[in-house]
Amino acid sequence: MTKKSSIARVIGFCGSCIAFYIGAGFATMQEVMQYEASYGSLFMVVILVAAAIYVYTNLSFTSNGSERHIEKGSDIFTLYCGKYIGTFYKYFTSFFCYMCFIVMCGGANSTATQQWGLPNGVGAVVLTVVVVATAVFGLDGIVNALGKIGPVIIVCLLGVSIATAITGLPNFSANLQAVDAGKYDLVQVGGGNPFASGASYGGFVILWFSTFLAEMGAKNDEHEVNKGVLLSTIFIFATAAICCVALISHIDITAYADIPTLMLANTINPAFAQVLSIIIFCGIYTTAVPLLWSGVSAISREGTPRYKLLIVVGGVIGCVVACFLPYKGLVNVLYGLNGYLGFILIAFMIVYDIRRRISRKGQADKVEA
């Protein structure tokens, strides 16, 4: 493999991780506001905690997936947790990822209805069609598609954030003090504890990435995937930090906005805000694809007629549910439960990784002796 192709693959893996991470919440900056910017001068604490969890868990997923040559990403849970607990995680993660796919359909539907005035259902249908068309080709097709779109989305978000951070910089210091003083009644994850917020934010996506990266590590060069993960960490969390500066600098208009990204974009140019709505839609798409794949691949072998049928059926059902049933309460419960199960999974991962290192050291000592 040439050096050029290796670099291209690393960038592709990086783009896939970025695309998966940036869903509706990040693209609209609602996640950034609630988890990070709401903590004012402590927002970097949240970012560093979340970044540390992101790096450790994702490198563990790819490395162990590669070392054990797992056939399906969901097998990673049995590796960490044993047969019975691992089986529970396997099926819960499959169910949870599918439910999150439904949420993405709802987000796309709301974006199309609120931003472009389209009838109810159009946004969900459009998203479902393109997601199913991508996911039906399996993991390789997903990586190829997301690897190209992810960098575009992050560049657009960076552009908006940098531009509005610069224009709002004169107000940043005063606004930061106002946020710290509690002037704005901001929704704050973690109950006022930035470490808890960072842990929640980092733990939230653990189950999302687990099967995706474990199988990616098993099917590709481990070192290339890990380099892609590390590179994505820089882009994702550096962008989050700049987003925080932009949000706080314009806190008067972003504090209570449903889609803070569009509020910031409107300060640049209203026409640009319309273009950015499309970018947000793409951000929803890039997360919805691997979520649907994760939900189906756990119960069906990729590439088989059964897999393709379940992708189509699952996509249609998710689309219908998103259009007609109020799943908000159920999703809130699932998100909270996912966070707790993510923290428990980290404990299993740490124990397994420590044992693996001890075992390797023991084997190395025997060879030297």
Protein backbone atom coordinates (compact mmCIF):
# COMPACT_ATOMS: atom_id res chain seq x y z
CA MET A 1 0.00 0.00 0.00
CA THR A 2 1.48 3.33 -1.02
CA LYS A 3 1.97 6.19 1.40
CA LYS A 4 -0.47 8.31 -0.60
CA SER A 5 -3.25 5.72 -0.48
CA SER A 6 -2.61 5.19 3.25
CA ILE A 7 -3.03 8.90 3.95
CA ALA A 8 -6.19 8.96 1.86
CA ARG A 9 -7.63 6.05 3.84
CA VAL A 10 -6.77 7.70 7.18
CA ILE A 11 -8.56 10.86 6.03
CA GLY A 12 -11.50 8.70 4.91
CA PHE A 13 -11.75 7.02 8.34
CA CYS A 14 -11.45 10.43 9.99
CA GLY A 15 -14.28 11.76 7.84
CA SER A 16 -16.48 8.77 8.68
CA CYS A 17 -15.99 9.33 12.43
CA ILE A 18 -16.75 13.04 12.07
CA ALA A 19 -19.85 12.33 10.00
CA PHE A 20 -21.15 9.78 12.53
CA TYR A 21 -20.53 12.10 15.48
CA ILE A 22 -22.14 15.15 13.92
CA GLY A 23 -25.83 14.40 13.92
CA ALA A 24 -28.79 16.70 14.34
CA GLY A 25 -27.70 17.85 17.81
CA PHE A 26 -24.16 18.90 16.90
CA ALA A 27 -25.08 20.33 13.49
CA THR A 28 -27.71 22.58 15.10
CA MET A 29 -25.29 23.31 18.01
CA GLN A 30 -28.02 22.38 20.47
CA GLU A 31 -25.78 19.70 21.97
CA VAL A 32 -22.88 22.12 22.22
CA MET A 33 -25.09 24.64 23.99
CA GLN A 34 -26.52 22.23 26.55
CA TYR A 35 -23.44 20.16 27.31
CA GLU A 36 -20.64 22.72 26.96
CA ALA A 37 -21.41 26.39 26.31
CA SER A 38 -23.91 26.44 29.20
CA TYR A 39 -20.96 26.00 31.58
CA GLY A 40 -19.46 29.35 30.59
CA SER A 41 -15.80 29.63 31.58
CA LEU A 42 -15.72 25.89 32.39
CA PHE A 43 -16.75 24.72 28.92
CA MET A 44 -13.21 23.49 28.18
CA VAL A 45 -13.44 21.10 31.15
CA VAL A 46 -16.47 19.46 29.56
CA ILE A 47 -14.74 19.24 26.18
CA LEU A 48 -11.56 17.68 27.60
CA VAL A 49 -13.47 15.04 29.59
CA ALA A 50 -15.63 14.11 26.59
CA ALA A 51 -12.57 14.02 24.31
CA ALA A 52 -10.69 11.71 26.69
CA ILE A 53 -13.60 9.25 26.75
CA TYR A 54 -13.97 9.48 22.97
CA VAL A 55 -10.29 8.68 22.37
CA TYR A 56 -9.98 5.81 24.85
CA THR A 57 -13.19 3.99 23.97
CA ASN A 58 -12.86 4.34 20.20
CA LEU A 59 -9.22 3.22 20.13
CA SER A 60 -10.19 0.26 22.30
CA PHE A 61 -13.04 -0.67 19.94
CA THR A 62 -10.86 -0.58 16.82
CA SER A 63 -7.82 -2.27 18.39
CA ASN A 64 -9.76 -5.13 19.96
CA GLY A 65 -11.91 -5.56 16.88
CA SER A 66 -8.76 -5.88 14.79
CA GLU A 67 -6.89 -8.15 17.20
CA ARG A 68 -9.76 -10.61 17.63
CA HIS A 69 -10.87 -10.44 13.97
CA ILE A 70 -14.52 -10.16 14.97
CA GLU A 71 -17.01 -10.99 12.24
CA LYS A 72 -19.74 -8.60 13.39
CA GLY A 73 -19.31 -5.34 15.26
CA SER A 74 -21.78 -6.39 17.94
CA ASP A 75 -19.44 -9.25 18.94
CA ILE A 76 -17.30 -6.65 20.71
CA PHE A 77 -19.72 -6.72 23.67
CA THR A 78 -19.18 -10.43 24.28
CA LEU A 79 -15.45 -9.79 24.20
CA TYR A 80 -15.65 -7.13 26.92
CA CYS A 81 -18.55 -8.37 29.05
CA GLY A 82 -18.82 -12.13 28.58
CA LYS A 83 -21.59 -14.17 27.03
CA TYR A 84 -24.67 -13.08 29.00
CA ILE A 85 -24.02 -9.40 29.69
CA GLY A 86 -22.49 -9.09 26.24
CA THR A 87 -25.63 -10.52 24.65
CA PHE A 88 -27.74 -7.97 26.54
CA TYR A 89 -25.54 -5.11 25.31
CA LYS A 90 -25.65 -6.47 21.77
CA TYR A 91 -29.43 -6.42 21.53
CA PHE A 92 -29.96 -3.27 23.59
CA THR A 93 -27.49 -1.39 21.41
CA SER A 94 -29.21 -2.66 18.29
CA PHE A 95 -32.58 -1.49 19.61
CA PHE A 96 -31.22 1.83 20.88
CA CYS A 97 -29.44 2.66 17.62
CA TYR A 98 -32.61 1.92 15.69
CA MET A 99 -34.62 4.19 17.99
CA CYS A 100 -32.05 6.93 17.43
CA PHE A 101 -32.51 6.43 13.69
CA ILE A 102 -36.20 7.20 14.21
CA VAL A 103 -35.21 10.37 16.08
CA MET A 104 -33.05 11.40 13.11
CA CYS A 105 -36.06 10.88 10.81
CA GLY A 106 -38.06 13.15 13.10
CA GLY A 107 -35.29 15.76 13.06
CA ALA A 108 -35.16 15.73 9.28
CA ASN A 109 -38.94 16.01 9.13
CA SER A 110 -38.95 19.03 11.48
CA THR A 111 -36.14 20.73 9.56
CA ALA A 112 -37.97 20.35 6.25
CA THR A 113 -41.26 21.54 7.74
CA GLN A 114 -39.96 24.49 9.76
CA GLN A 115 -37.21 25.77 7.45
CA TRP A 116 -38.70 25.13 4.02
CA GLY A 117 -42.42 24.87 4.72
CA LEU A 118 -42.74 21.37 3.26
CA PRO A 119 -45.70 19.12 4.24
CA ASN A 120 -45.36 16.76 7.17
CA GLY A 121 -43.57 13.57 6.15
CA VAL A 122 -41.56 14.91 3.21
CA GLY A 123 -38.36 15.41 5.20
CA ALA A 124 -38.60 11.98 6.81
CA VAL A 125 -39.29 10.28 3.47
CA VAL A 126 -36.37 11.98 1.73
CA LEU A 127 -34.00 11.10 4.57
CA THR A 128 -35.20 7.48 4.67
CA VAL A 129 -34.72 7.00 0.93
CA VAL A 130 -31.11 8.23 0.92
CA VAL A 131 -30.25 6.43 4.18
CA VAL A 132 -31.62 3.09 2.97
CA ALA A 133 -29.88 3.53 -0.40
CA THR A 134 -26.56 4.03 1.43
CA ALA A 135 -26.92 1.44 4.21
CA VAL A 136 -27.97 -1.36 1.87
CA PHE A 137 -24.40 -1.44 0.47
CA GLY A 138 -22.99 -2.34 3.91
CA LEU A 139 -20.12 -0.95 5.96
CA ASP A 140 -17.74 -0.29 3.06
CA GLY A 141 -20.37 1.74 1.24
CA ILE A 142 -21.15 3.68 4.41
CA VAL A 143 -17.48 4.50 5.04
CA ASN A 144 -17.03 5.67 1.45
CA ALA A 145 -20.11 7.91 1.58
CA LEU A 146 -19.57 9.39 5.04
CA GLY A 147 -15.84 9.81 4.56
CA LYS A 148 -16.54 12.37 1.84
CA ILE A 149 -19.43 14.22 3.52
CA GLY A 150 -18.03 14.47 7.07
CA PRO A 151 -15.22 16.92 6.28
CA VAL A 152 -17.60 19.14 4.30
CA ILE A 153 -19.97 19.44 7.26
CA ILE A 154 -17.21 20.16 9.76
CA VAL A 155 -15.71 22.82 7.46
CA CYS A 156 -19.10 24.55 7.14
CA LEU A 157 -19.66 24.51 10.90
CA LEU A 158 -16.12 25.78 11.43
CA GLY A 159 -16.73 28.59 8.95
CA VAL A 160 -19.90 29.74 10.70
CA SER A 161 -18.31 29.42 14.14
CA ILE A 162 -15.09 31.25 13.29
CA ALA A 163 -16.88 34.06 11.47
CA THR A 164 -19.40 34.67 14.27
CA ALA A 165 -16.79 34.17 17.00
CA ILE A 166 -14.76 36.98 15.43
CA THR A 167 -17.72 39.33 15.04
CA GLY A 168 -18.90 38.62 18.57
CA LEU A 169 -15.49 38.63 20.22
CA PRO A 170 -15.90 42.14 21.73
CA ASN A 171 -18.90 40.80 23.69
CA PHE A 172 -17.34 37.47 24.68
CA SER A 173 -15.85 38.46 28.03
CA ALA A 174 -18.99 40.22 29.30
CA ASN A 175 -21.26 37.44 28.02
CA LEU A 176 -19.04 34.81 29.63
CA GLN A 177 -19.43 36.53 32.98
CA ALA A 178 -23.19 36.73 32.46
CA VAL A 179 -23.39 32.98 31.75
CA ASP A 180 -21.26 32.24 34.82
CA ALA A 181 -23.51 34.45 36.92
CA GLY A 182 -26.59 32.54 35.78
CA LYS A 183 -28.19 35.46 33.97
CA TYR A 184 -29.51 33.11 31.30
CA ASP A 185 -31.67 30.15 32.27
CA LEU A 186 -29.79 27.69 30.09
CA VAL A 187 -30.55 23.97 29.89
CA GLN A 188 -27.48 22.40 31.48
CA VAL A 189 -26.65 18.70 31.32
CA GLY A 190 -24.80 17.34 34.36
CA GLY A 191 -26.60 19.27 37.06
CA GLY A 192 -24.01 22.04 37.18
CA ASN A 193 -21.01 19.69 37.29
CA PRO A 194 -18.81 20.08 34.17
CA PHE A 195 -17.12 16.71 34.77
CA ALA A 196 -20.52 15.00 34.90
CA SER A 197 -21.56 16.80 31.73
CA GLY A 198 -18.38 15.74 29.92
CA ALA A 199 -18.80 12.15 31.11
CA SER A 200 -22.42 12.16 29.95
CA TYR A 201 -21.52 13.61 26.56
CA GLY A 202 -18.65 11.18 26.06
CA GLY A 203 -20.66 8.23 27.35
CA PHE A 204 -23.67 9.01 25.21
CA VAL A 205 -22.02 8.04 21.93
CA ILE A 206 -20.13 4.99 23.22
CA LEU A 207 -22.81 2.53 22.15
CA TRP A 208 -23.18 4.36 18.84
CA PHE A 209 -19.52 3.92 17.94
CA SER A 210 -18.95 0.48 19.49
CA THR A 211 -20.15 -1.82 16.70
CA PHE A 212 -19.27 0.64 13.93
CA LEU A 213 -15.59 1.04 14.89
CA ALA A 214 -15.09 -2.53 16.10
CA GLU A 215 -16.06 -3.88 12.70
CA MET A 216 -14.17 -1.10 10.92
CA GLY A 217 -11.04 -2.12 12.85
CA ALA A 218 -11.56 -5.79 11.99
CA LYS A 219 -11.99 -5.14 8.26
CA ASN A 220 -9.26 -2.53 7.80
CA ASP A 221 -5.71 -1.71 8.89
CA GLU A 222 -5.86 -1.06 12.65
CA HIS A 223 -3.23 1.68 12.63
CA GLU A 224 -4.94 3.57 9.81
CA VAL A 225 -8.31 3.45 11.57
CA ASN A 226 -6.77 4.58 14.87
CA LYS A 227 -5.00 7.48 13.16
CA GLY A 228 -8.35 8.43 11.63
CA VAL A 229 -9.97 8.35 15.09
CA LEU A 230 -7.25 10.58 16.59
CA LEU A 231 -7.46 13.02 13.69
CA SER A 232 -11.24 13.18 14.02
CA THR A 233 -10.83 13.98 17.74
CA ILE A 234 -8.90 17.15 16.90
CA PHE A 235 -11.46 18.34 14.36
CA ILE A 236 -14.56 17.47 16.40
CA PHE A 237 -13.53 18.94 19.73
CA ALA A 238 -11.65 21.94 18.31
CA THR A 239 -14.82 22.76 16.41
CA ALA A 240 -16.85 22.33 19.61
CA ALA A 241 -14.57 24.81 21.41
CA ILE A 242 -14.92 27.41 18.67
CA CYS A 243 -18.69 26.81 18.61
CA CYS A 244 -18.78 27.57 22.35
CA VAL A 245 -16.99 30.88 21.80
CA ALA A 246 -19.43 31.79 19.01
CA LEU A 247 -22.51 30.77 21.03
CA ILE A 248 -21.42 32.70 24.12
CA SER A 249 -20.38 35.73 22.06
CA HIS A 250 -23.94 35.89 20.69
CA ILE A 251 -25.71 34.51 23.76
CA ASP A 252 -28.54 37.05 23.51
CA ILE A 253 -29.83 35.34 20.35
CA THR A 254 -28.59 31.78 20.87
CA ALA A 255 -29.60 31.15 24.51
CA TYR A 256 -33.15 30.04 23.78
CA ALA A 257 -32.98 29.21 20.07
CA ASP A 258 -34.04 25.74 18.88
CA ILE A 259 -31.39 25.82 16.16
CA PRO A 260 -28.54 28.11 17.35
CA THR A 261 -26.52 27.39 14.20
CA LEU A 262 -29.11 29.12 12.02
CA MET A 263 -29.28 32.09 14.41
CA LEU A 264 -25.52 32.53 14.01
CA ALA A 265 -25.72 32.05 10.25
CA ASN A 266 -28.40 34.73 10.00
CA THR A 267 -25.98 37.26 11.50
CA ILE A 268 -23.73 36.57 8.52
CA ASN A 269 -26.36 36.43 5.78
CA PRO A 270 -30.00 35.18 5.76
CA ALA A 271 -29.45 33.45 2.42
CA PHE A 272 -26.49 31.61 3.89
CA ALA A 273 -28.75 30.36 6.69
CA GLN A 274 -30.93 28.66 4.09
CA VAL A 275 -27.89 26.95 2.59
CA LEU A 276 -26.82 25.91 6.07
CA SER A 277 -30.20 24.23 6.58
CA ILE A 278 -29.17 21.81 3.84
CA ILE A 279 -25.87 21.21 5.62
CA ILE A 280 -27.78 20.44 8.84
CA PHE A 281 -29.93 17.98 6.90
CA CYS A 282 -26.74 16.32 5.66
CA GLY A 283 -25.50 16.15 9.24
CA ILE A 284 -28.66 14.26 10.20
CA TYR A 285 -28.15 11.91 7.25
CA THR A 286 -24.54 11.10 8.17
CA THR A 287 -25.60 9.96 11.64
CA ALA A 288 -28.79 8.20 10.54
CA VAL A 289 -26.97 5.87 8.11
CA PRO A 290 -24.67 4.11 10.61
CA LEU A 291 -27.46 4.07 13.20
CA LEU A 292 -29.73 2.09 10.88
CA TRP A 293 -26.80 -0.13 9.92
CA SER A 294 -25.96 -0.77 13.60
CA GLY A 295 -29.57 -1.67 14.37
CA VAL A 296 -29.86 -4.18 11.53
CA SER A 297 -26.33 -5.64 11.33
CA ALA A 298 -26.61 -7.00 14.89
CA ILE A 299 -29.40 -9.35 13.84
CA SER A 300 -28.54 -10.02 10.20
CA ARG A 301 -25.34 -10.72 8.29
CA GLU A 302 -24.32 -7.84 6.06
CA GLY A 303 -24.82 -8.35 2.31
CA THR A 304 -27.45 -11.11 2.61
CA PRO A 305 -30.97 -10.75 1.18
CA ARG A 306 -32.28 -10.76 4.77
CA TYR A 307 -30.01 -7.83 5.67
CA LYS A 308 -31.13 -5.79 2.67
CA LEU A 309 -34.79 -6.56 3.35
CA LEU A 310 -34.46 -5.54 7.02
CA ILE A 311 -32.72 -2.30 6.01
CA VAL A 312 -35.64 -1.40 3.75
CA VAL A 313 -38.35 -2.52 6.20
CA GLY A 314 -36.61 -0.86 9.14
CA GLY A 315 -36.24 2.37 7.18
CA VAL A 316 -39.93 2.44 6.22
CA ILE A 317 -41.14 1.68 9.75
CA GLY A 318 -38.84 4.32 11.23
CA CYS A 319 -40.09 6.88 8.73
CA VAL A 320 -43.76 6.17 9.53
CA VAL A 321 -43.16 6.27 13.29
CA ALA A 322 -41.29 9.58 13.04
CA CYS A 323 -44.18 11.14 11.13
CA PHE A 324 -47.12 9.99 13.22
CA LEU A 325 -46.17 8.87 16.73
CA PRO A 326 -44.94 11.10 19.62
CA TYR A 327 -41.76 9.33 20.66
CA LYS A 328 -40.21 12.24 22.58
CA GLY A 329 -40.83 10.84 26.05
CA LEU A 330 -39.61 7.37 25.11
CA VAL A 331 -36.47 8.78 23.52
CA ASN A 332 -35.65 10.83 26.62
CA VAL A 333 -35.79 7.65 28.73
CA LEU A 334 -33.64 5.76 26.21
CA TYR A 335 -31.03 8.52 26.07
CA GLY A 336 -30.69 8.55 29.84
CA LEU A 337 -30.51 4.77 30.03
CA ASN A 338 -27.91 4.76 27.26
CA GLY A 339 -25.69 7.09 29.28
CA TYR A 340 -25.76 4.83 32.34
CA LEU A 341 -25.12 1.68 30.30
CA GLY A 342 -22.28 3.48 28.51
CA PHE A 343 -20.56 4.21 31.84
CA ILE A 344 -20.94 0.58 32.92
CA LEU A 345 -19.50 -0.58 29.60
CA ILE A 346 -16.42 1.61 30.16
CA ALA A 347 -15.75 -0.26 33.41
CA PHE A 348 -15.85 -3.59 31.57
CA MET A 349 -13.58 -2.17 28.86
CA ILE A 350 -10.97 -0.94 31.34
CA VAL A 351 -10.87 -4.30 33.14
CA TYR A 352 -10.56 -6.20 29.85
CA ASP A 353 -7.84 -3.89 28.46
CA ILE A 354 -5.80 -4.10 31.70
CA ARG A 355 -6.01 -7.89 31.66
CA ARG A 356 -4.98 -7.93 28.00
CA ARG A 357 -1.91 -5.78 28.72
CA ILE A 358 -0.92 -7.96 31.69
CA SER A 359 -1.30 -11.09 29.54
CA ARG A 360 0.82 -9.59 26.76
CA LYS A 361 3.52 -8.58 29.22
CA GLY A 362 3.54 -12.09 30.70
CA GLN A 363 3.93 -13.64 27.27
CA ALA A 364 6.73 -11.23 26.41
CA ASP A 365 8.58 -12.08 29.61
CA LYS A 366 8.33 -15.81 28.82
CA VAL A 367 9.77 -15.24 25.35
CA GLU A 368 12.68 -13.23 26.78
CA ALA A 369 13.33 -15.90 29.41
